[in-house]
Amino acid sequence: MANNNNNNGKMSVEEAGRKGGETTAKNHDKDFYQEIGKKGGEATSKNHDREFYEEIGKKGGEARNNNNK
């Protein structure tokens, strides 16, 4: 856990994000995450063209390949 002594008793952004994520996970099930993932994917596909997906696929493939060496 983050040491809050240097922040005048305030929690760090990292800690706030972690706590928020834990609370969200407690309050929602698998279907919730599937639905928001679907919405995010649809929004991304509307905002990007084929070249975007080719580039991120290439980067992912390179990263995966480098991890297998």
Protein backbone atom coordinates (compact mmCIF):
# COMPACT_ATOMS: atom_id res chain seq x y z
CA MET A 1 0.00 0.00 0.00
CA ALA A 2 1.18 3.54 -0.69
CA ASN A 3 2.72 5.57 2.10
CA ASN A 4 0.50 8.63 2.53
CA ASN A 5 2.75 10.49 4.99
CA ASN A 6 4.12 12.74 2.25
CA ASN A 7 0.68 13.66 0.90
CA ASN A 8 -0.80 15.29 4.01
CA GLY A 9 -3.11 12.33 4.58
CA LYS A 10 -4.36 12.27 0.97
CA MET A 11 -4.31 9.03 -0.98
CA SER A 12 -2.23 8.76 -4.13
CA VAL A 13 -3.78 8.54 -7.58
CA GLU A 14 -2.50 4.97 -7.77
CA GLU A 15 -4.21 4.02 -4.51
CA ALA A 16 -7.45 5.75 -5.49
CA GLY A 17 -7.50 3.87 -8.78
CA ARG A 18 -6.84 0.55 -7.08
CA LYS A 19 -9.57 1.12 -4.52
CA GLY A 20 -12.01 2.21 -7.22
CA GLY A 21 -11.23 -0.87 -9.28
CA GLU A 22 -11.73 -3.15 -6.29
CA THR A 23 -15.09 -1.53 -5.51
CA THR A 24 -16.21 -1.83 -9.12
CA ALA A 25 -15.20 -5.50 -9.17
CA LYS A 26 -17.25 -6.14 -6.03
CA ASN A 27 -20.33 -4.43 -7.44
CA HIS A 28 -20.38 -5.86 -10.97
CA ASP A 29 -20.29 -9.28 -12.57
CA LYS A 30 -18.76 -10.77 -15.71
CA ASP A 31 -21.63 -9.54 -17.90
CA PHE A 32 -20.91 -5.92 -16.91
CA TYR A 33 -17.29 -6.20 -18.05
CA GLN A 34 -18.29 -7.95 -21.27
CA GLU A 35 -20.78 -5.19 -22.08
CA ILE A 36 -18.36 -2.31 -21.43
CA GLY A 37 -15.69 -4.14 -23.43
CA LYS A 38 -18.09 -4.54 -26.34
CA LYS A 39 -19.04 -0.85 -26.19
CA GLY A 40 -15.38 0.16 -26.08
CA GLY A 41 -14.55 -2.05 -29.03
CA GLU A 42 -17.42 -0.63 -31.07
CA ALA A 43 -16.38 2.95 -30.26
CA THR A 44 -12.76 2.20 -31.16
CA SER A 45 -13.73 0.63 -34.48
CA LYS A 46 -15.76 3.72 -35.38
CA ASN A 47 -12.81 6.00 -34.66
CA HIS A 48 -10.02 4.03 -36.35
CA ASP A 49 -9.37 2.59 -39.77
CA ARG A 50 -7.86 -0.68 -40.94
CA GLU A 51 -4.30 0.65 -40.75
CA PHE A 52 -4.73 1.29 -37.01
CA TYR A 53 -5.58 -2.36 -36.40
CA GLU A 54 -2.77 -3.54 -38.66
CA GLU A 55 -0.27 -1.43 -36.71
CA ILE A 56 -1.40 -2.56 -33.25
CA GLY A 57 -1.49 -6.17 -34.46
CA LYS A 58 2.07 -5.82 -35.72
CA LYS A 59 3.22 -4.31 -32.42
CA GLY A 60 1.52 -7.05 -30.45
CA GLY A 61 3.06 -9.72 -32.61
CA GLU A 62 6.52 -8.20 -32.21
CA ALA A 63 6.15 -7.96 -28.43
CA ARG A 64 4.93 -11.53 -28.22
CA ASN A 65 7.78 -12.72 -30.41
CA ASN A 66 10.35 -10.89 -28.29
CA ASN A 67 8.94 -12.47 -25.11
CA ASN A 68 9.33 -15.96 -26.54
CA LYS A 69 13.08 -15.62 -27.16
